[in-house]
Protein backbone atom coordinates (compact mmCIF):
# COMPACT_ATOMS: atom_id res chain seq x y z
CA MET A 1 0.00 0.00 0.00
CA ALA A 2 2.80 2.46 0.80
CA ALA A 3 4.30 1.98 -2.67
CA ARG A 4 0.94 2.59 -4.32
CA TYR A 5 0.48 5.63 -2.10
CA ALA A 6 3.88 6.99 -3.16
CA GLN A 7 2.89 6.65 -6.82
CA ALA A 8 -0.40 8.47 -6.31
CA PHE A 9 0.79 11.41 -4.22
CA SER A 10 3.75 13.75 -4.13
CA ALA A 11 3.48 14.15 -0.35
CA ASP A 12 5.48 11.87 1.92
CA PRO A 13 3.13 10.31 4.52
CA ALA A 14 6.01 10.13 6.98
CA GLY A 15 7.23 13.67 6.15
CA ASP A 16 7.18 16.62 8.52
CA ASP A 17 4.69 18.68 6.47
CA GLY A 18 1.65 16.48 6.95
CA LEU A 19 -0.77 15.44 4.24
CA ASP A 20 -2.57 18.07 2.18
CA ILE A 21 -6.14 18.73 3.28
CA GLY A 22 -8.38 17.88 0.34
CA LEU A 23 -6.23 14.97 -0.79
CA ASN A 24 -8.54 12.28 -2.19
CA ALA A 25 -7.32 9.20 -4.04
CA GLU A 26 -7.73 5.47 -4.42
CA ILE A 27 -4.89 3.73 -2.59
CA ARG A 28 -5.75 0.14 -3.40
CA SER A 29 -7.79 -1.22 -6.28
CA GLU A 30 -8.01 -4.94 -6.85
CA PRO A 31 -10.65 -7.64 -6.46
CA GLY A 32 -11.63 -7.79 -2.81
CA ALA A 33 -9.97 -4.53 -1.81
CA ARG A 34 -10.88 -1.20 -3.39
CA VAL A 35 -9.97 1.41 -0.78
CA SER A 36 -9.77 5.18 -1.06
CA MET A 37 -8.27 7.74 1.30
CA ARG A 38 -9.15 11.37 1.81
CA VAL A 39 -7.77 14.02 4.14
CA GLU A 40 -10.12 16.54 5.75
CA ALA A 41 -9.68 19.40 8.20
CA PHE A 42 -10.57 18.40 11.73
CA SER A 43 -11.71 21.51 13.53
CA ASP A 44 -12.83 19.98 16.82
CA GLU A 45 -9.32 19.47 18.19
CA GLN A 46 -6.19 20.91 16.57
CA ASP A 47 -3.87 18.81 18.75
CA ALA A 48 -5.46 15.52 17.70
CA LEU A 49 -5.57 13.32 14.61
CA GLU A 50 -8.80 11.55 13.72
CA LEU A 51 -8.61 8.21 11.92
CA VAL A 52 -11.82 7.08 10.24
CA LEU A 53 -12.79 3.78 8.62
CA GLU A 54 -15.88 3.73 6.40
CA THR A 55 -17.48 1.05 4.27
CA ALA A 56 -20.05 1.27 1.51
CA GLN A 57 -23.55 0.22 2.65
CA HIS A 58 -23.40 -3.13 0.83
CA ILE A 59 -20.23 -4.21 2.68
CA THR A 60 -20.93 -6.19 5.84
CA TRP A 61 -17.81 -8.30 6.37
CA TRP A 62 -15.34 -7.27 9.07
CA LYS A 63 -12.87 -4.47 8.23
CA SER A 64 -10.20 -3.09 10.54
CA LEU A 65 -7.87 -0.12 10.69
CA SER A 66 -5.05 -0.42 13.21
CA TYR A 67 -2.68 2.33 14.24
CA PHE A 68 0.66 1.63 15.89
CA VAL A 69 2.90 4.32 17.40
CA ALA A 70 6.05 2.74 15.94
CA VAL A 71 7.06 0.79 12.86
CA GLN A 72 9.55 -2.00 12.41
CA GLY A 73 10.15 -2.96 8.81
CA SER A 74 6.81 -2.01 7.32
CA ARG A 75 4.68 -3.45 10.15
CA GLY A 76 3.30 -1.92 13.32
CA LEU A 77 5.03 -2.25 16.65
CA GLY A 78 3.90 -1.40 20.17
CA PRO A 79 0.38 -0.70 21.43
CA GLU A 80 -2.36 -1.11 18.85
CA LEU A 81 -5.30 1.30 18.52
CA ARG A 82 -7.99 -0.38 16.39
CA ILE A 83 -11.29 0.61 14.86
CA GLU A 84 -13.59 -1.86 13.11
CA THR A 85 -16.68 -2.06 10.95
CA ARG A 86 -18.92 -5.07 10.47
CA ASP A 87 -22.55 -5.92 9.72
CA ARG A 88 -24.59 -2.69 10.03
CA VAL A 89 -21.71 -0.59 11.39
CA HIS A 90 -20.30 1.30 8.39
CA ARG A 91 -18.27 3.99 10.14
CA ALA A 92 -15.83 3.97 13.04
CA SER A 93 -13.39 6.62 14.22
CA GLN A 94 -10.58 7.08 16.73
CA LEU A 95 -8.99 10.28 18.04
CA LEU A 96 -5.26 10.17 18.63
CA TYR A 97 -3.64 12.50 21.17
CA LEU A 98 -0.11 12.72 22.57
CA PRO A 99 1.74 10.41 23.29
CA ASP A 100 0.13 8.35 20.48
CA LEU A 101 1.10 11.02 17.94
CA THR A 102 4.59 10.16 16.74
CA ARG A 103 6.80 10.71 13.74
CA TYR A 104 7.11 6.95 13.18
CA GLY A 105 3.55 5.63 13.28
CA VAL A 106 1.99 3.11 10.91
CA ILE A 107 -1.58 2.40 9.77
CA GLU A 108 -2.56 -1.17 8.86
CA LEU A 109 -5.71 -2.26 7.02
CA TRP A 110 -7.24 -5.71 7.48
CA LYS A 111 -10.39 -7.48 6.29
CA GLY A 112 -12.23 -10.67 7.08
CA GLY A 113 -10.63 -13.64 5.40
CA PHE A 114 -10.90 -17.38 4.93
CA LEU A 115 -12.24 -19.28 7.98
CA ASN A 116 -12.61 -16.01 9.93
CA PHE A 117 -8.89 -15.28 9.90
CA GLY A 118 -7.99 -11.67 9.16
CA ALA A 119 -6.48 -10.91 5.77
CA PHE A 120 -3.77 -8.23 5.74
CA ILE A 121 -4.40 -5.60 3.06
CA GLY A 122 -1.46 -3.25 3.57
CA SER A 123 0.35 -0.74 5.75
CA LEU A 124 1.15 2.94 5.47
CA PRO A 125 3.85 4.66 7.56
CA ILE A 126 2.67 8.04 8.79
CA ASN A 127 3.98 10.97 10.77
CA SER A 128 0.87 11.29 12.91
CA PHE A 129 2.30 14.25 14.84
CA ALA A 130 2.62 16.27 11.61
CA ASN A 131 -1.01 15.44 10.74
CA ARG A 132 -2.62 16.98 13.81
CA GLY A 133 -5.81 18.88 12.98
CA ARG A 134 -6.75 16.44 10.23
CA SER A 135 -9.13 13.56 9.66
CA ILE A 136 -7.73 10.77 7.53
CA VAL A 137 -10.65 8.79 6.16
CA PHE A 138 -10.21 5.33 4.63
CA ARG A 139 -13.26 4.18 2.68
CA TRP A 140 -13.79 0.60 1.58
CA GLU A 141 -15.74 0.74 -1.69
CA GLU A 142 -15.62 -2.89 -2.80
CA ASP A 143 -15.07 -6.20 -1.09
C-alpha cells in the first residue's frame, strides 16, 4: 500500500509537512480490496488526529484499521489502537492524542478472510504528529 500511495501522491506520509487537506485518491484497487483515502480538516481538536474507517452500505464483512505508534520494517510495533466495521456498522473513528502522535507511526488495514482469519491488506507509515488537525478517512468501496 505504501508503494501505491507513493505513486499516487507527491506528499510523503512520513514527512514533517503532513498530508494536504483535500487529498482524495484510491490507494488500493483490486478484487476484494478497493480502498480510497481522503484528508479533511478536523476543527474539533487541533492537537489531535482523527482516523476514520468507512465502508459502503453493501459491505458487511469485518474491516479493521489499526494504528501503531512505531514501525519495524513495514509493520506496526507497540500498542495497537484499532477501529472496526462489520454488519450494520459502516463507520468507526478514533482520536489520537499525545503520546500516540509520533513521527514513526503506521496504519494497517485488514479485512475478514478465509475461515474467519484476518487478511492483511497493507500498511502505510505516517507521521501522525505532523497530521494533527486532520481527519484521515479510509473508505472501503468494494469487497
